[in-house]
Amino acid sequence: MQQTCILFRYIYGNKLEMTREEINTFYNRYRVRLFNTSYRILGDRMDAEEVMQDAMIKYLKSGMSLELPKEEAWLVKSTVRGAIDRLRKKKRDLEFLEEYKADSIENMGNVKWRDGAEMVPKIKEGMARLPDGYRAVLSMILFEGFDYEEVAQIIEVKESTVRSQYMRGKERLIKIINEL
């Protein structure tokens, strides 16, 4: 039920003319099928829920009104594409982290990289200790896959500012991780 509230708030935040009952009916009609579809592909409950909701929101925002079998087919296809996109993004992120790990050993001083499971809590804690601006820029570039230009547009600053915040934030993060 919490998921329908999130869906409801998001849709009403965008002024879609649907009643709460219509949204609940729509959500309950497809939630199990879409969740199972995305969960089978992703293997992660949280990601599966996000992909499922993204597909539902995309359909509702588009204003399409298809017949029932076509509506379900569209939602399933959109969910599958979303799940595959999420898998690709995870793969890119893992490749980036491996590359970052190798670069860090060579170029970034004495960051002591050990087992990845050991480093994750340190990285999370280090990110939490960063000032908001650095944390936002690093998160968007490192974890969300945005480039400097996209980040600059999102936070409405110059691209050169994003580049300098990224470099300073990265240096600070490495310093924090070394201290932990």
N, C-alpha and C. Protein backbone atom coordinates (compact mmCIF):
# COMPACT_ATOMS: atom_id res chain seq x y z
N MET A 1 0.82 -1.20 0.00
CA MET A 1 0.00 0.00 0.00
C MET A 1 0.85 1.26 0.00
N GLN A 2 2.03 1.17 0.62
CA GLN A 2 2.92 2.31 0.64
C GLN A 2 3.32 2.69 -0.79
N GLN A 3 3.49 1.69 -1.65
CA GLN A 3 3.89 1.95 -3.02
C GLN A 3 2.84 2.76 -3.77
N THR A 4 1.56 2.46 -3.52
CA THR A 4 0.52 3.22 -4.22
C THR A 4 0.51 4.66 -3.74
N CYS A 5 0.85 4.89 -2.48
CA CYS A 5 0.92 6.27 -1.97
C CYS A 5 2.02 7.04 -2.68
N ILE A 6 3.17 6.40 -2.88
CA ILE A 6 4.26 7.04 -3.59
C ILE A 6 3.84 7.34 -5.02
N LEU A 7 3.24 6.36 -5.66
CA LEU A 7 2.75 6.53 -7.03
C LEU A 7 1.71 7.64 -7.07
N PHE A 8 0.81 7.65 -6.12
CA PHE A 8 -0.25 8.65 -6.06
C PHE A 8 0.33 10.05 -5.92
N ARG A 9 1.28 10.22 -4.98
CA ARG A 9 1.88 11.53 -4.78
C ARG A 9 2.63 12.00 -6.01
N TYR A 10 3.35 11.09 -6.64
CA TYR A 10 4.12 11.47 -7.82
C TYR A 10 3.18 11.90 -8.94
N ILE A 11 2.14 11.12 -9.17
CA ILE A 11 1.22 11.42 -10.26
C ILE A 11 0.46 12.71 -9.98
N TYR A 12 -0.02 12.88 -8.76
CA TYR A 12 -0.75 14.09 -8.44
C TYR A 12 0.17 15.31 -8.39
N GLY A 13 1.44 15.09 -8.08
CA GLY A 13 2.39 16.18 -8.13
C GLY A 13 2.53 16.70 -9.56
N ASN A 14 2.25 15.83 -10.52
CA ASN A 14 2.32 16.22 -11.93
C ASN A 14 0.92 16.47 -12.51
N LYS A 15 -0.05 16.63 -11.63
CA LYS A 15 -1.41 17.03 -11.98
C LYS A 15 -2.08 16.11 -13.01
N LEU A 16 -1.95 14.80 -12.79
CA LEU A 16 -2.65 13.84 -13.63
C LEU A 16 -4.04 13.68 -13.03
N GLU A 17 -5.05 13.74 -13.86
CA GLU A 17 -6.43 13.69 -13.38
C GLU A 17 -6.90 12.24 -13.23
N MET A 18 -6.59 11.65 -12.09
CA MET A 18 -7.06 10.30 -11.76
C MET A 18 -7.43 10.29 -10.29
N THR A 19 -8.42 9.53 -9.96
CA THR A 19 -8.79 9.41 -8.55
C THR A 19 -7.87 8.41 -7.87
N ARG A 20 -7.84 8.47 -6.57
CA ARG A 20 -7.03 7.53 -5.80
C ARG A 20 -7.48 6.09 -6.08
N GLU A 21 -8.76 5.88 -6.21
CA GLU A 21 -9.28 4.54 -6.50
C GLU A 21 -8.79 4.03 -7.85
N GLU A 22 -8.79 4.89 -8.85
CA GLU A 22 -8.32 4.49 -10.18
C GLU A 22 -6.84 4.13 -10.14
N ILE A 23 -6.07 4.90 -9.41
CA ILE A 23 -4.64 4.60 -9.29
C ILE A 23 -4.44 3.28 -8.55
N ASN A 24 -5.18 3.08 -7.46
CA ASN A 24 -5.07 1.82 -6.70
C ASN A 24 -5.46 0.63 -7.56
N THR A 25 -6.53 0.77 -8.33
CA THR A 25 -6.98 -0.31 -9.20
C THR A 25 -5.91 -0.62 -10.24
N PHE A 26 -5.40 0.42 -10.87
CA PHE A 26 -4.34 0.27 -11.86
C PHE A 26 -3.11 -0.41 -11.24
N TYR A 27 -2.68 0.10 -10.09
CA TYR A 27 -1.50 -0.44 -9.42
C TYR A 27 -1.70 -1.91 -9.06
N ASN A 28 -2.83 -2.23 -8.45
CA ASN A 28 -3.09 -3.61 -8.02
C ASN A 28 -3.25 -4.57 -9.19
N ARG A 29 -3.72 -4.07 -10.32
CA ARG A 29 -3.91 -4.91 -11.49
C ARG A 29 -2.57 -5.41 -12.03
N TYR A 30 -1.53 -4.59 -11.98
CA TYR A 30 -0.28 -4.93 -12.65
C TYR A 30 0.92 -5.14 -11.74
N ARG A 31 0.82 -4.80 -10.48
CA ARG A 31 2.00 -4.79 -9.62
C ARG A 31 2.70 -6.13 -9.51
N VAL A 32 1.96 -7.21 -9.35
CA VAL A 32 2.58 -8.52 -9.18
C VAL A 32 3.30 -8.94 -10.46
N ARG A 33 2.63 -8.80 -11.58
CA ARG A 33 3.22 -9.21 -12.86
C ARG A 33 4.48 -8.39 -13.17
N LEU A 34 4.38 -7.09 -13.01
CA LEU A 34 5.52 -6.23 -13.34
C LEU A 34 6.67 -6.42 -12.36
N PHE A 35 6.34 -6.58 -11.08
CA PHE A 35 7.39 -6.80 -10.08
C PHE A 35 8.12 -8.11 -10.38
N ASN A 36 7.35 -9.18 -10.61
CA ASN A 36 7.98 -10.48 -10.88
C ASN A 36 8.84 -10.44 -12.14
N THR A 37 8.36 -9.75 -13.14
CA THR A 37 9.13 -9.63 -14.39
C THR A 37 10.46 -8.94 -14.13
N SER A 38 10.42 -7.80 -13.45
CA SER A 38 11.65 -7.07 -13.21
C SER A 38 12.55 -7.78 -12.19
N TYR A 39 11.95 -8.45 -11.22
CA TYR A 39 12.74 -9.16 -10.20
C TYR A 39 13.50 -10.33 -10.82
N ARG A 40 12.87 -11.03 -11.76
CA ARG A 40 13.55 -12.14 -12.42
C ARG A 40 14.77 -11.65 -13.20
N ILE A 41 14.67 -10.48 -13.76
CA ILE A 41 15.79 -9.94 -14.54
C ILE A 41 16.87 -9.38 -13.63
N LEU A 42 16.47 -8.64 -12.60
CA LEU A 42 17.42 -7.91 -11.76
C LEU A 42 17.93 -8.71 -10.57
N GLY A 43 17.06 -9.51 -9.96
CA GLY A 43 17.46 -10.26 -8.78
C GLY A 43 17.58 -9.42 -7.53
N ASP A 44 17.06 -8.21 -7.55
CA ASP A 44 17.12 -7.30 -6.41
C ASP A 44 15.75 -6.68 -6.20
N ARG A 45 15.20 -6.83 -5.01
CA ARG A 45 13.84 -6.38 -4.74
C ARG A 45 13.67 -4.86 -4.90
N MET A 46 14.61 -4.11 -4.37
CA MET A 46 14.49 -2.65 -4.43
C MET A 46 14.53 -2.15 -5.87
N ASP A 47 15.48 -2.66 -6.63
CA ASP A 47 15.57 -2.26 -8.03
C ASP A 47 14.33 -2.69 -8.79
N ALA A 48 13.83 -3.88 -8.49
CA ALA A 48 12.64 -4.38 -9.18
C ALA A 48 11.44 -3.48 -8.90
N GLU A 49 11.28 -3.05 -7.67
CA GLU A 49 10.17 -2.15 -7.33
C GLU A 49 10.30 -0.81 -8.04
N GLU A 50 11.51 -0.29 -8.09
CA GLU A 50 11.72 0.99 -8.77
C GLU A 50 11.40 0.89 -10.26
N VAL A 51 11.86 -0.17 -10.90
CA VAL A 51 11.61 -0.36 -12.33
C VAL A 51 10.11 -0.50 -12.58
N MET A 52 9.44 -1.27 -11.73
CA MET A 52 7.99 -1.46 -11.85
C MET A 52 7.27 -0.11 -11.75
N GLN A 53 7.61 0.66 -10.75
CA GLN A 53 6.96 1.96 -10.57
C GLN A 53 7.28 2.93 -11.70
N ASP A 54 8.52 2.90 -12.16
CA ASP A 54 8.89 3.77 -13.28
C ASP A 54 8.04 3.47 -14.51
N ALA A 55 7.82 2.19 -14.78
CA ALA A 55 7.01 1.81 -15.94
C ALA A 55 5.57 2.30 -15.76
N MET A 56 5.03 2.14 -14.56
CA MET A 56 3.66 2.59 -14.30
C MET A 56 3.53 4.11 -14.44
N ILE A 57 4.47 4.82 -13.87
CA ILE A 57 4.44 6.28 -13.93
C ILE A 57 4.57 6.76 -15.38
N LYS A 58 5.48 6.13 -16.10
CA LYS A 58 5.68 6.50 -17.51
C LYS A 58 4.38 6.31 -18.30
N TYR A 59 3.70 5.21 -18.06
CA TYR A 59 2.45 4.94 -18.77
C TYR A 59 1.38 5.97 -18.39
N LEU A 60 1.24 6.22 -17.10
CA LEU A 60 0.21 7.15 -16.65
C LEU A 60 0.50 8.58 -17.10
N LYS A 61 1.76 8.97 -17.07
CA LYS A 61 2.11 10.32 -17.51
C LYS A 61 1.92 10.51 -19.01
N SER A 62 2.06 9.43 -19.77
CA SER A 62 1.94 9.55 -21.22
C SER A 62 0.50 9.81 -21.65
N GLY A 63 -0.45 9.48 -20.77
CA GLY A 63 -1.85 9.72 -21.08
C GLY A 63 -2.42 8.72 -22.07
N MET A 64 -1.66 7.65 -22.33
CA MET A 64 -2.16 6.63 -23.26
C MET A 64 -3.35 5.92 -22.64
N SER A 65 -4.20 5.45 -23.50
CA SER A 65 -5.32 4.66 -23.03
C SER A 65 -5.50 3.51 -24.00
N LEU A 66 -4.83 2.40 -23.68
CA LEU A 66 -4.88 1.23 -24.54
C LEU A 66 -5.90 0.23 -24.00
N GLU A 67 -6.31 -0.69 -24.85
CA GLU A 67 -7.19 -1.76 -24.38
C GLU A 67 -6.39 -2.63 -23.42
N LEU A 68 -7.09 -3.36 -22.56
CA LEU A 68 -6.46 -4.11 -21.48
C LEU A 68 -5.29 -5.00 -21.91
N PRO A 69 -5.42 -5.88 -22.89
CA PRO A 69 -4.25 -6.72 -23.22
C PRO A 69 -3.07 -5.90 -23.75
N LYS A 70 -3.36 -4.85 -24.54
CA LYS A 70 -2.29 -4.02 -25.08
C LYS A 70 -1.64 -3.19 -23.98
N GLU A 71 -2.45 -2.74 -23.03
CA GLU A 71 -1.93 -1.97 -21.90
C GLU A 71 -0.94 -2.81 -21.11
N GLU A 72 -1.31 -4.03 -20.81
CA GLU A 72 -0.44 -4.91 -20.06
C GLU A 72 0.83 -5.22 -20.85
N ALA A 73 0.70 -5.45 -22.14
CA ALA A 73 1.86 -5.74 -22.98
C ALA A 73 2.82 -4.55 -22.99
N TRP A 74 2.27 -3.35 -23.09
CA TRP A 74 3.11 -2.16 -23.09
C TRP A 74 3.85 -2.04 -21.77
N LEU A 75 3.14 -2.25 -20.67
CA LEU A 75 3.76 -2.14 -19.34
C LEU A 75 4.85 -3.19 -19.15
N VAL A 76 4.59 -4.42 -19.58
CA VAL A 76 5.58 -5.49 -19.42
C VAL A 76 6.82 -5.17 -20.26
N LYS A 77 6.59 -4.74 -21.49
CA LYS A 77 7.71 -4.41 -22.37
C LYS A 77 8.53 -3.25 -21.79
N SER A 78 7.87 -2.26 -21.27
CA SER A 78 8.54 -1.12 -20.67
C SER A 78 9.31 -1.56 -19.42
N THR A 79 8.74 -2.45 -18.64
CA THR A 79 9.40 -2.97 -17.44
C THR A 79 10.65 -3.76 -17.81
N VAL A 80 10.55 -4.60 -18.83
CA VAL A 80 11.70 -5.39 -19.27
C VAL A 80 12.81 -4.46 -19.74
N ARG A 81 12.46 -3.47 -20.53
CA ARG A 81 13.47 -2.51 -21.02
C ARG A 81 14.11 -1.75 -19.85
N GLY A 82 13.28 -1.33 -18.91
CA GLY A 82 13.81 -0.64 -17.74
C GLY A 82 14.75 -1.50 -16.92
N ALA A 83 14.38 -2.77 -16.76
CA ALA A 83 15.23 -3.69 -15.99
C ALA A 83 16.56 -3.93 -16.71
N ILE A 84 16.50 -4.09 -18.01
CA ILE A 84 17.73 -4.29 -18.78
C ILE A 84 18.60 -3.04 -18.70
N ASP A 85 17.99 -1.87 -18.82
CA ASP A 85 18.75 -0.62 -18.69
C ASP A 85 19.42 -0.54 -17.32
N ARG A 86 18.69 -0.95 -16.29
CA ARG A 86 19.25 -0.90 -14.93
C ARG A 86 20.42 -1.87 -14.81
N LEU A 87 20.30 -3.06 -15.42
CA LEU A 87 21.41 -4.01 -15.41
C LEU A 87 22.63 -3.44 -16.12
N ARG A 88 22.41 -2.81 -17.26
CA ARG A 88 23.52 -2.20 -18.00
C ARG A 88 24.19 -1.13 -17.17
N LYS A 89 23.39 -0.33 -16.49
CA LYS A 89 23.94 0.72 -15.65
C LYS A 89 24.76 0.13 -14.52
N LYS A 90 24.26 -0.93 -13.90
CA LYS A 90 25.02 -1.58 -12.83
C LYS A 90 26.35 -2.11 -13.36
N LYS A 91 26.30 -2.69 -14.56
CA LYS A 91 27.53 -3.22 -15.15
C LYS A 91 28.52 -2.09 -15.41
N ARG A 92 28.03 -0.97 -15.96
CA ARG A 92 28.91 0.19 -16.19
C ARG A 92 29.49 0.69 -14.88
N ASP A 93 28.66 0.73 -13.86
CA ASP A 93 29.13 1.20 -12.56
C ASP A 93 30.21 0.28 -11.99
N LEU A 94 30.01 -1.03 -12.13
CA LEU A 94 31.01 -1.98 -11.64
C LEU A 94 32.31 -1.84 -12.42
N GLU A 95 32.19 -1.69 -13.75
CA GLU A 95 33.38 -1.50 -14.56
C GLU A 95 34.10 -0.22 -14.16
N PHE A 96 33.32 0.82 -13.93
CA PHE A 96 33.90 2.08 -13.51
C PHE A 96 34.63 1.93 -12.18
N LEU A 97 33.99 1.25 -11.24
CA LEU A 97 34.62 1.08 -9.92
C LEU A 97 35.91 0.29 -10.03
N GLU A 98 35.93 -0.73 -10.89
CA GLU A 98 37.16 -1.48 -11.09
C GLU A 98 38.25 -0.59 -11.69
N GLU A 99 37.85 0.21 -12.69
CA GLU A 99 38.80 1.13 -13.31
C GLU A 99 39.25 2.19 -12.29
N TYR A 100 38.31 2.69 -11.52
CA TYR A 100 38.59 3.70 -10.50
C TYR A 100 39.54 3.12 -9.45
N LYS A 101 39.28 1.86 -9.10
CA LYS A 101 40.12 1.18 -8.12
C LYS A 101 41.56 1.09 -8.63
N ALA A 102 41.72 0.70 -9.90
CA ALA A 102 43.05 0.60 -10.48
C ALA A 102 43.71 1.97 -10.56
N ASP A 103 42.96 2.99 -11.01
CA ASP A 103 43.50 4.34 -11.09
C ASP A 103 43.88 4.86 -9.71
N SER A 104 43.07 4.54 -8.72
CA SER A 104 43.32 5.03 -7.38
C SER A 104 44.62 4.48 -6.82
N ILE A 105 44.87 3.23 -7.09
CA ILE A 105 46.09 2.61 -6.58
C ILE A 105 47.31 3.28 -7.22
N GLU A 106 47.20 3.57 -8.53
CA GLU A 106 48.34 4.14 -9.23
C GLU A 106 48.48 5.64 -9.01
N ASN A 107 47.37 6.37 -9.06
CA ASN A 107 47.45 7.82 -9.17
C ASN A 107 46.97 8.61 -7.95
N MET A 108 46.40 7.99 -6.99
CA MET A 108 45.74 8.76 -5.96
C MET A 108 46.32 8.54 -4.58
N GLY A 109 47.59 8.42 -4.52
CA GLY A 109 48.20 8.31 -3.21
C GLY A 109 48.06 6.93 -2.63
N ASN A 110 47.98 6.89 -1.34
CA ASN A 110 47.97 5.61 -0.67
C ASN A 110 46.59 5.24 -0.14
N VAL A 111 45.61 5.17 -1.02
CA VAL A 111 44.33 4.60 -0.63
C VAL A 111 44.56 3.11 -0.58
N LYS A 112 44.26 2.52 0.54
CA LYS A 112 44.50 1.09 0.69
C LYS A 112 43.25 0.31 0.31
N TRP A 113 43.20 -0.13 -0.97
CA TRP A 113 42.05 -0.89 -1.47
C TRP A 113 42.23 -2.33 -1.05
N ARG A 114 41.24 -2.80 -0.37
CA ARG A 114 41.24 -4.20 0.03
C ARG A 114 40.04 -4.84 -0.63
N ASP A 115 39.46 -5.76 0.03
CA ASP A 115 38.26 -6.42 -0.48
C ASP A 115 37.16 -5.37 -0.67
N GLY A 116 36.42 -5.46 -1.78
CA GLY A 116 35.36 -4.51 -2.08
C GLY A 116 34.33 -4.42 -0.98
N ALA A 117 34.02 -5.56 -0.35
CA ALA A 117 33.04 -5.57 0.73
C ALA A 117 33.53 -4.75 1.91
N GLU A 118 34.82 -4.68 2.08
CA GLU A 118 35.43 -3.91 3.16
C GLU A 118 35.36 -2.41 2.87
N MET A 119 35.47 -2.05 1.59
CA MET A 119 35.53 -0.64 1.20
C MET A 119 34.16 0.03 1.11
N VAL A 120 33.13 -0.72 0.82
CA VAL A 120 31.81 -0.12 0.62
C VAL A 120 31.37 0.71 1.83
N PRO A 121 31.46 0.18 3.06
CA PRO A 121 31.06 1.01 4.20
C PRO A 121 31.92 2.26 4.36
N LYS A 122 33.21 2.15 4.03
CA LYS A 122 34.09 3.32 4.13
C LYS A 122 33.71 4.37 3.09
N ILE A 123 33.40 3.93 1.90
CA ILE A 123 33.00 4.87 0.84
C ILE A 123 31.69 5.55 1.23
N LYS A 124 30.73 4.76 1.74
CA LYS A 124 29.46 5.34 2.17
C LYS A 124 29.66 6.36 3.27
N GLU A 125 30.49 6.00 4.24
CA GLU A 125 30.74 6.94 5.35
C GLU A 125 31.47 8.18 4.85
N GLY A 126 32.44 7.96 3.96
CA GLY A 126 33.16 9.09 3.39
C GLY A 126 32.24 10.02 2.62
N MET A 127 31.33 9.46 1.83
CA MET A 127 30.37 10.26 1.08
C MET A 127 29.47 11.03 2.04
N ALA A 128 29.07 10.41 3.13
CA ALA A 128 28.19 11.07 4.10
C ALA A 128 28.90 12.25 4.78
N ARG A 129 30.22 12.18 4.90
CA ARG A 129 30.97 13.26 5.56
C ARG A 129 31.27 14.43 4.64
N LEU A 130 31.09 14.24 3.35
CA LEU A 130 31.38 15.33 2.40
C LEU A 130 30.33 16.43 2.51
N PRO A 131 30.71 17.66 2.21
CA PRO A 131 29.70 18.73 2.12
C PRO A 131 28.68 18.40 1.03
N ASP A 132 27.48 18.95 1.17
CA ASP A 132 26.39 18.62 0.26
C ASP A 132 26.75 18.80 -1.21
N GLY A 133 27.38 19.90 -1.56
CA GLY A 133 27.72 20.18 -2.95
C GLY A 133 28.63 19.13 -3.56
N TYR A 134 29.70 18.78 -2.84
CA TYR A 134 30.62 17.76 -3.32
C TYR A 134 29.92 16.41 -3.42
N ARG A 135 29.13 16.08 -2.40
CA ARG A 135 28.44 14.79 -2.38
C ARG A 135 27.48 14.68 -3.56
N ALA A 136 26.75 15.75 -3.85
CA ALA A 136 25.79 15.71 -4.95
C ALA A 136 26.51 15.52 -6.29
N VAL A 137 27.57 16.29 -6.51
CA VAL A 137 28.30 16.20 -7.77
C VAL A 137 28.94 14.82 -7.92
N LEU A 138 29.61 14.34 -6.88
CA LEU A 138 30.23 13.01 -6.95
C LEU A 138 29.20 11.92 -7.19
N SER A 139 28.07 12.00 -6.52
CA SER A 139 27.03 10.99 -6.69
C SER A 139 26.50 10.96 -8.11
N MET A 140 26.23 12.15 -8.65
CA MET A 140 25.68 12.20 -10.01
C MET A 140 26.68 11.70 -11.05
N ILE A 141 27.95 12.01 -10.87
CA ILE A 141 28.95 11.61 -11.86
C ILE A 141 29.37 10.16 -11.67
N LEU A 142 29.71 9.78 -10.43
CA LEU A 142 30.23 8.44 -10.20
C LEU A 142 29.17 7.35 -10.18
N PHE A 143 28.03 7.64 -9.57
CA PHE A 143 27.04 6.59 -9.37
C PHE A 143 25.86 6.67 -10.33
N GLU A 144 25.51 7.86 -10.76
CA GLU A 144 24.37 8.00 -11.66
C GLU A 144 24.77 8.02 -13.12
N GLY A 145 26.05 8.22 -13.40
CA GLY A 145 26.53 8.16 -14.77
C GLY A 145 26.33 9.42 -15.59
N PHE A 146 26.04 10.55 -14.94
CA PHE A 146 25.89 11.81 -15.66
C PHE A 146 27.26 12.33 -16.05
N ASP A 147 27.33 13.09 -17.13
CA ASP A 147 28.59 13.75 -17.46
C ASP A 147 28.57 15.17 -16.89
N TYR A 148 29.69 15.88 -17.03
CA TYR A 148 29.81 17.21 -16.43
C TYR A 148 28.72 18.16 -16.94
N GLU A 149 28.47 18.11 -18.22
CA GLU A 149 27.49 19.02 -18.83
C GLU A 149 26.09 18.78 -18.26
N GLU A 150 25.72 17.52 -18.13
CA GLU A 150 24.40 17.20 -17.58
C GLU A 150 24.27 17.65 -16.13
N VAL A 151 25.30 17.42 -15.34
CA VAL A 151 25.29 17.84 -13.94
C VAL A 151 25.17 19.36 -13.86
N ALA A 152 25.90 20.06 -14.71
CA ALA A 152 25.85 21.52 -14.72
C ALA A 152 24.43 22.02 -15.02
N GLN A 153 23.75 21.38 -15.95
CA GLN A 153 22.37 21.75 -16.27
C GLN A 153 21.44 21.47 -15.10
N ILE A 154 21.64 20.34 -14.45
CA ILE A 154 20.75 19.95 -13.34
C ILE A 154 20.88 20.91 -12.17
N ILE A 155 22.13 21.22 -11.78
CA ILE A 155 22.30 22.07 -10.60
C ILE A 155 22.46 23.55 -10.97
N GLU A 156 22.35 23.83 -12.26
CA GLU A 156 22.33 25.20 -12.76
C GLU A 156 23.58 26.00 -12.38
N VAL A 157 24.74 25.42 -12.72
CA VAL A 157 26.02 26.10 -12.55
C VAL A 157 26.83 25.88 -13.83
N LYS A 158 27.98 26.54 -13.93
CA LYS A 158 28.85 26.36 -15.08
C LYS A 158 29.49 24.97 -15.04
N GLU A 159 29.79 24.47 -16.23
CA GLU A 159 30.44 23.17 -16.34
C GLU A 159 31.80 23.17 -15.64
N SER A 160 32.51 24.28 -15.72
CA SER A 160 33.83 24.37 -15.07
C SER A 160 33.69 24.27 -13.55
N THR A 161 32.59 24.78 -13.01
CA THR A 161 32.34 24.67 -11.58
C THR A 161 32.12 23.21 -11.19
N VAL A 162 31.38 22.49 -12.03
CA VAL A 162 31.14 21.07 -11.77
C VAL A 162 32.45 20.30 -11.79
N ARG A 163 33.29 20.59 -12.77
CA ARG A 163 34.59 19.90 -12.88
C ARG A 163 35.44 20.15 -11.63
N SER A 164 35.50 21.39 -11.18
CA SER A 164 36.33 21.69 -10.01
C SER A 164 35.72 21.08 -8.75
N GLN A 165 34.39 21.10 -8.61
CA GLN A 165 33.76 20.46 -7.45
C GLN A 165 34.00 18.96 -7.46
N TYR A 166 33.97 18.37 -8.65
CA TYR A 166 34.22 16.93 -8.76
C TYR A 166 35.65 16.61 -8.31
N MET A 167 36.62 17.35 -8.82
CA MET A 167 38.02 17.08 -8.47
C MET A 167 38.27 17.31 -6.98
N ARG A 168 37.77 18.42 -6.46
CA ARG A 168 37.95 18.70 -5.03
C ARG A 168 37.23 17.68 -4.16
N GLY A 169 36.02 17.32 -4.57
CA GLY A 169 35.25 16.34 -3.81
C GLY A 169 35.93 14.98 -3.81
N LYS A 170 36.47 14.59 -4.97
CA LYS A 170 37.17 13.31 -5.07
C LYS A 170 38.40 13.30 -4.16
N GLU A 171 39.16 14.39 -4.18
CA GLU A 171 40.34 14.48 -3.31
C GLU A 171 39.95 14.39 -1.84
N ARG A 172 38.88 15.09 -1.48
CA ARG A 172 38.41 15.06 -0.08
C ARG A 172 37.94 13.67 0.30
N LEU A 173 37.22 13.01 -0.61
CA LEU A 173 36.72 11.66 -0.34
C LEU A 173 37.89 10.71 -0.10
N ILE A 174 38.91 10.79 -0.93
CA ILE A 174 40.08 9.92 -0.76
C ILE A 174 40.76 10.19 0.58
N LYS A 175 40.86 11.45 0.94
CA LYS A 175 41.47 11.81 2.23
C LYS A 175 40.65 11.22 3.39
N ILE A 176 39.33 11.35 3.30
CA ILE A 176 38.45 10.82 4.36
C ILE A 176 38.59 9.30 4.45
N ILE A 177 38.59 8.63 3.29
CA ILE A 177 38.70 7.16 3.29
C ILE A 177 40.02 6.73 3.89
N ASN A 178 41.10 7.43 3.59
CA ASN A 178 42.40 7.09 4.17
C ASN A 178 42.43 7.26 5.68
N GLU A 179 41.64 8.22 6.18
CA GLU A 179 41.60 8.45 7.62
C GLU A 179 40.74 7.42 8.36
N LEU A 180 39.82 6.80 7.66
CA LEU A 180 38.94 5.82 8.32
C LEU A 180 39.65 4.52 8.61
